[in-house]
PDB file of N, CA and C in Angstrom:
ATOM      1  N   MET A   1      -1.031   3.499  -9.412  1.00  0.00           N
ATOM      2  CA  MET A   1      -0.786   3.711  -7.996  1.00  0.00           C
ATOM      3  C   MET A   1      -1.212   2.453  -7.246  1.00  0.00           C
ATOM      4  N   VAL A   2      -0.392   2.022  -6.326  1.00  0.00           N
ATOM      5  CA  VAL A   2      -0.709   0.882  -5.470  1.00  0.00           C
ATOM      6  C   VAL A   2      -1.156   1.433  -4.128  1.00  0.00           C
ATOM      7  N   ILE A   3      -2.388   1.088  -3.713  1.00  0.00           N
ATOM      8  CA  ILE A   3      -2.901   1.619  -2.448  1.00  0.00           C
ATOM      9  C   ILE A   3      -3.064   0.554  -1.381  1.00  0.00           C
ATOM     10  N   GLY A   4      -2.913  -0.720  -1.753  1.00  0.00           N
ATOM     11  CA  GLY A   4      -2.963  -1.793  -0.766  1.00  0.00           C
ATOM     12  C   GLY A   4      -4.351  -2.132  -0.269  1.00  0.00           C
ATOM     13  N   HIS A   5      -5.395  -1.713  -1.001  1.00  0.00           N
ATOM     14  CA  HIS A   5      -6.764  -2.047  -0.612  1.00  0.00           C
ATOM     15  C   HIS A   5      -7.196  -3.312  -1.342  1.00  0.00           C
ATOM     16  N   ASN A   6      -8.160  -4.014  -0.779  1.00  0.00           N
ATOM     17  CA  ASN A   6      -8.738  -5.205  -1.390  1.00  0.00           C
ATOM     18  C   ASN A   6     -10.164  -4.908  -1.813  1.00  0.00           C
ATOM     19  N   PHE A   7     -10.619  -5.608  -2.860  1.00  0.00           N
ATOM     20  CA  PHE A   7     -12.020  -5.537  -3.244  1.00  0.00           C
ATOM     21  C   PHE A   7     -12.686  -6.810  -2.754  1.00  0.00           C
ATOM     22  N   ILE A   8     -13.645  -6.647  -1.840  1.00  0.00           N
ATOM     23  CA  ILE A   8     -14.358  -7.775  -1.248  1.00  0.00           C
ATOM     24  C   ILE A   8     -15.840  -7.570  -1.503  1.00  0.00           C
ATOM     25  N   GLY A   9     -16.447  -8.480  -2.254  1.00  0.00           N
ATOM     26  CA  GLY A   9     -17.862  -8.361  -2.581  1.00  0.00           C
ATOM     27  C   GLY A   9     -18.176  -7.089  -3.353  1.00  0.00           C
ATOM     28  N   GLY A  10     -17.233  -6.625  -4.177  1.00  0.00           N
ATOM     29  CA  GLY A  10     -17.438  -5.433  -4.990  1.00  0.00           C
ATOM     30  C   GLY A  10     -17.171  -4.129  -4.260  1.00  0.00           C
ATOM     31  N   SER A  11     -16.788  -4.187  -2.981  1.00  0.00           N
ATOM     32  CA  SER A  11     -16.500  -2.978  -2.201  1.00  0.00           C
ATOM     33  C   SER A  11     -15.020  -2.946  -1.833  1.00  0.00           C
ATOM     34  N   ARG A  12     -14.451  -1.736  -1.853  1.00  0.00           N
ATOM     35  CA  ARG A  12     -13.044  -1.590  -1.471  1.00  0.00           C
ATOM     36  C   ARG A  12     -12.916  -1.625   0.043  1.00  0.00           C
ATOM     37  N   SER A  13     -11.960  -2.417   0.531  1.00  0.00           N
ATOM     38  CA  SER A  13     -11.755  -2.575   1.965  1.00  0.00           C
ATOM     39  C   SER A  13     -10.289  -2.336   2.299  1.00  0.00           C
ATOM     40  N   ALA A  14     -10.045  -1.588   3.379  1.00  0.00           N
ATOM     41  CA  ALA A  14      -8.673  -1.348   3.839  1.00  0.00           C
ATOM     42  C   ALA A  14      -8.549  -1.698   5.313  1.00  0.00           C
ATOM     43  N   GLN A  15      -9.360  -2.640   5.759  1.00  0.00           N
ATOM     44  CA  GLN A  15      -9.300  -3.038   7.159  1.00  0.00           C
ATOM     45  C   GLN A  15      -8.034  -3.844   7.404  1.00  0.00           C
ATOM     46  N   GLY A  16      -7.475  -3.702   8.562  1.00  0.00           N
ATOM     47  CA  GLY A  16      -6.267  -4.439   8.921  1.00  0.00           C
ATOM     48  C   GLY A  16      -5.195  -3.493   9.423  1.00  0.00           C
ATOM     49  N   THR A  17      -4.075  -4.075   9.821  1.00  0.00           N
ATOM     50  CA  THR A  17      -3.010  -3.273  10.419  1.00  0.00           C
ATOM     51  C   THR A  17      -1.745  -3.230   9.574  1.00  0.00           C
ATOM     52  N   THR A  18      -1.730  -3.917   8.425  1.00  0.00           N
ATOM     53  CA  THR A  18      -0.541  -3.939   7.586  1.00  0.00           C
ATOM     54  C   THR A  18      -0.420  -2.640   6.808  1.00  0.00           C
ATOM     55  N   LEU A  19       0.765  -2.041   6.820  1.00  0.00           N
ATOM     56  CA  LEU A  19       1.023  -0.798   6.103  1.00  0.00           C
ATOM     57  C   LEU A  19       2.087  -1.060   5.051  1.00  0.00           C
ATOM     58  N   LEU A  20       1.778  -0.710   3.799  1.00  0.00           N
ATOM     59  CA  LEU A  20       2.728  -0.896   2.707  1.00  0.00           C
ATOM     60  C   LEU A  20       3.480   0.403   2.480  1.00  0.00           C
ATOM     61  N   LYS A  21       4.792   0.301   2.296  1.00  0.00           N
ATOM     62  CA  LYS A  21       5.614   1.479   2.033  1.00  0.00           C
ATOM     63  C   LYS A  21       6.515   1.186   0.845  1.00  0.00           C
ATOM     64  N   SER A  22       6.838   2.234   0.081  1.00  0.00           N
ATOM     65  CA  SER A  22       7.763   2.111  -1.039  1.00  0.00           C
ATOM     66  C   SER A  22       9.030   2.874  -0.717  1.00  0.00           C
ATOM     67  N   ILE A  23      10.157   2.328  -1.180  1.00  0.00           N
ATOM     68  CA  ILE A  23      11.426   3.028  -0.986  1.00  0.00           C
ATOM     69  C   ILE A  23      12.162   3.116  -2.317  1.00  0.00           C
ATOM     70  N   GLN A  24      13.010   4.115  -2.449  1.00  0.00           N
ATOM     71  CA  GLN A  24      13.853   4.284  -3.621  1.00  0.00           C
ATOM     72  C   GLN A  24      14.977   3.257  -3.494  1.00  0.00           C
ATOM     73  N   ALA A  25      15.172   2.418  -4.510  1.00  0.00           N
ATOM     74  CA  ALA A  25      16.064   1.264  -4.403  1.00  0.00           C
ATOM     75  C   ALA A  25      17.530   1.623  -4.154  1.00  0.00           C
ATOM     76  N   THR A  26      18.018   2.705  -4.749  1.00  0.00           N
ATOM     77  CA  THR A  26      19.447   2.998  -4.610  1.00  0.00           C
ATOM     78  C   THR A  26      19.785   3.770  -3.348  1.00  0.00           C
ATOM     79  N   THR A  27      18.843   4.589  -2.848  1.00  0.00           N
ATOM     80  CA  THR A  27      19.139   5.410  -1.674  1.00  0.00           C
ATOM     81  C   THR A  27      18.455   4.919  -0.407  1.00  0.00           C
ATOM     82  N   GLY A  28      17.395   4.112  -0.549  1.00  0.00           N
ATOM     83  CA  GLY A  28      16.627   3.671   0.607  1.00  0.00           C
ATOM     84  C   GLY A  28      15.671   4.730   1.118  1.00  0.00           C
ATOM     85  N   GLU A  29      15.572   5.859   0.393  1.00  0.00           N
ATOM     86  CA  GLU A  29      14.683   6.955   0.793  1.00  0.00           C
ATOM     87  C   GLU A  29      13.225   6.557   0.581  1.00  0.00           C
ATOM     88  N   ALA A  30      12.364   6.924   1.532  1.00  0.00           N
ATOM     89  CA  ALA A  30      10.929   6.632   1.421  1.00  0.00           C
ATOM     90  C   ALA A  30      10.321   7.437   0.281  1.00  0.00           C
ATOM     91  N   LEU A  31       9.465   6.785  -0.508  1.00  0.00           N
ATOM     92  CA  LEU A  31       8.753   7.460  -1.592  1.00  0.00           C
ATOM     93  C   LEU A  31       7.392   7.925  -1.084  1.00  0.00           C
ATOM     94  N   PRO A  32       6.897   9.020  -1.657  1.00  0.00           N
ATOM     95  CA  PRO A  32       5.581   9.526  -1.210  1.00  0.00           C
ATOM     96  C   PRO A  32       4.449   8.592  -1.585  1.00  0.00           C
TER      97      PRO A  32
END
């Protein structure tokens, strides 16, 4: 699973405003 978090100094960080999304390549439908 890709969650888009970074490990900084051994701690997981999700600070920031960027949101990652996945889509189904053939239909363009958003994946959960």
